[in-house]
Every structure is written in C-alpha cells, then in structure tokens.
C-alpha cells in the first residue's frame, strides 16, 4: 500500500509542473505584448499533461489567450494581467468581431485586479 501511495503522489507532483511565462519570452513591463509567450507556456503545460502557468510580479500586456484542460494560471502578488484592445495583427479587435469591445471591457475590469490584493 505504501508503494501505491508513493506512486500516486509522484504522479500528482508530475502533473503540478510550473511553467514560468518569462521562460517563454514574456516581459512584464506593461508595454511589451506577452500573448505569444503566455500561449506558448499554456501549450507546454498542456503537452506535459497539465500544470500551472506562472506569472511573476509585473504587468503583463496580453491579447487573446487560449486556456486548455488541466492548465491553471497563477499570478504572484504584484502581477497584473492587462488586456489590450488590439487584434492579432495590431488592428482593432472590434473590426474582427463586433462583440470584442464588450468582452475586452469585461476582461479589462477582471484583469485590473492584481493577485494577492
């Protein structure tokens, strides 16, 4: 029974891997778009069977991010996920999708809350 418990614990630990967005090129200065790096970290966590995408303290400017199953986001105290209204090619997101303005506004409200505050 002890061996089974240890194996289950090891399997749980392996799934709880952390993927720091800075390791994928994100810069938390509030002006550099981090969407691609965030999505790369999410993809890596998903490919590993799940894990946590970690946002250290900073202001992370992002467009659309695509969450996947078994992937969690963790924002350290002092981390802010700041939404941009720009579309993927730098144009207005409303030109792509007329509903984007309302979603972006909601995302801005939600993302203005910093973790740990």
Protein backbone atom coordinates (compact mmCIF):
# COMPACT_ATOMS: atom_id res chain seq x y z
CA UNK A 1 0.00 0.00 0.00
CA UNK A 2 2.89 2.39 0.70
CA UNK A 3 4.31 1.91 -2.80
CA UNK A 4 0.96 2.72 -4.41
CA UNK A 5 0.63 5.86 -2.27
CA UNK A 6 4.11 6.99 -3.26
CA UNK A 7 3.40 6.37 -6.94
CA UNK A 8 0.15 8.34 -6.75
CA UNK A 9 1.96 11.20 -5.01
CA UNK A 10 4.69 11.16 -7.68
CA UNK A 11 2.08 11.23 -10.45
CA UNK A 12 0.28 14.16 -8.81
CA UNK A 13 3.56 16.02 -8.39
CA UNK A 14 4.48 15.48 -12.06
CA UNK A 15 1.16 16.97 -13.19
CA UNK A 16 1.67 20.04 -10.99
CA UNK A 17 4.62 21.31 -13.03
CA UNK A 18 5.05 25.08 -13.21
CA UNK A 19 5.65 26.96 -16.46
CA UNK A 20 7.02 30.47 -15.92
CA UNK A 21 5.99 32.78 -18.76
CA UNK A 22 9.35 34.58 -18.67
CA UNK A 23 10.97 31.31 -19.82
CA UNK A 24 8.88 31.64 -22.98
CA UNK A 25 9.90 35.23 -23.69
CA UNK A 26 7.31 37.30 -21.79
CA UNK A 27 8.40 40.69 -20.46
CA UNK A 28 6.35 42.20 -17.62
CA UNK A 29 6.87 45.89 -18.33
CA UNK A 30 3.26 46.69 -19.29
CA UNK A 31 4.17 47.72 -22.84
CA UNK A 32 5.58 44.56 -24.44
CA UNK A 33 2.89 42.23 -25.76
CA UNK A 34 3.19 38.89 -23.95
CA UNK A 35 0.34 36.96 -25.62
CA UNK A 36 2.55 34.66 -27.69
CA UNK A 37 4.75 33.76 -24.72
CA UNK A 38 1.73 33.14 -22.49
CA UNK A 39 0.15 30.88 -25.10
CA UNK A 40 3.45 29.01 -25.53
CA UNK A 41 3.58 28.38 -21.77
CA UNK A 42 -0.05 27.19 -21.84
CA UNK A 43 0.75 24.87 -24.76
CA UNK A 44 3.80 23.48 -22.92
CA UNK A 45 1.75 22.84 -19.78
CA UNK A 46 -0.94 21.12 -21.81
CA UNK A 47 1.62 18.99 -23.67
CA UNK A 48 3.03 17.90 -20.31
CA UNK A 49 -0.40 16.63 -19.25
CA UNK A 50 -1.24 19.74 -17.25
CA UNK A 51 0.37 22.22 -14.93
CA UNK A 52 0.39 25.79 -13.76
CA UNK A 53 1.34 28.77 -15.89
CA UNK A 54 3.12 31.17 -13.56
CA UNK A 55 3.03 34.98 -13.84
CA UNK A 56 5.70 36.59 -11.63
CA UNK A 57 5.23 40.15 -10.36
CA UNK A 58 4.93 42.64 -13.21
CA UNK A 59 2.38 43.98 -15.67
CA UNK A 60 1.75 41.50 -18.45
CA UNK A 61 0.17 43.04 -21.55
CA UNK A 62 -1.82 40.44 -23.44
CA UNK A 63 -4.32 39.96 -26.21
CA UNK A 64 -6.24 36.71 -26.50
CA UNK A 65 -5.00 33.73 -24.55
CA UNK A 66 -6.34 30.23 -25.07
CA UNK A 67 -6.71 28.13 -21.94
CA UNK A 68 -6.59 24.35 -22.16
CA UNK A 69 -7.72 21.49 -19.97
CA UNK A 70 -5.68 20.76 -16.83
CA UNK A 71 -3.86 24.11 -17.07
CA UNK A 72 -4.17 26.70 -14.31
CA UNK A 73 -2.95 30.29 -14.23
CA UNK A 74 -1.18 31.59 -11.12
CA UNK A 75 -0.45 35.28 -10.65
CA UNK A 76 2.05 36.19 -7.95
CA UNK A 77 1.34 39.10 -5.65
CA UNK A 78 2.08 42.21 -7.70
CA UNK A 79 1.26 40.54 -11.03
CA UNK A 80 -1.33 42.19 -13.29
CA UNK A 81 -2.68 40.68 -16.49
CA UNK A 82 -3.52 43.71 -18.63
CA UNK A 83 -5.77 43.26 -21.68
CA UNK A 84 -5.10 45.03 -24.94
CA UNK A 85 -7.84 46.01 -27.37
CA UNK A 86 -5.59 45.26 -30.36
CA UNK A 87 -6.39 42.36 -32.63
CA UNK A 88 -3.79 39.74 -33.60
CA UNK A 89 -2.45 41.87 -36.47
CA UNK A 90 -2.38 45.10 -34.50
CA UNK A 91 -5.78 46.30 -35.71
CA UNK A 92 -8.83 46.97 -33.59
CA UNK A 93 -10.39 43.80 -32.25
CA UNK A 94 -13.85 45.24 -32.98
CA UNK A 95 -13.05 45.15 -36.72
CA UNK A 96 -12.60 41.40 -36.38
CA UNK A 97 -15.52 40.81 -34.04
CA UNK A 98 -18.26 43.31 -33.21
CA UNK A 99 -18.68 41.76 -29.74
CA UNK A 100 -14.99 42.21 -28.87
CA UNK A 101 -15.48 45.62 -27.26
CA UNK A 102 -17.81 44.26 -24.58
CA UNK A 103 -15.58 41.23 -23.92
CA UNK A 104 -12.46 43.38 -23.83
CA UNK A 105 -14.09 45.76 -21.35
CA UNK A 106 -15.05 42.87 -19.11
CA UNK A 107 -11.53 41.42 -19.39
CA UNK A 108 -10.02 44.82 -18.51
CA UNK A 109 -12.19 45.02 -15.39
CA UNK A 110 -11.23 41.50 -14.34
CA UNK A 111 -7.56 41.93 -15.19
CA UNK A 112 -7.21 45.19 -13.29
CA UNK A 113 -7.39 43.21 -10.06
CA UNK A 114 -3.88 42.28 -9.04
CA UNK A 115 -3.21 38.95 -7.41
CA UNK A 116 -2.92 38.98 -3.64
CA UNK A 117 -4.66 42.34 -3.27
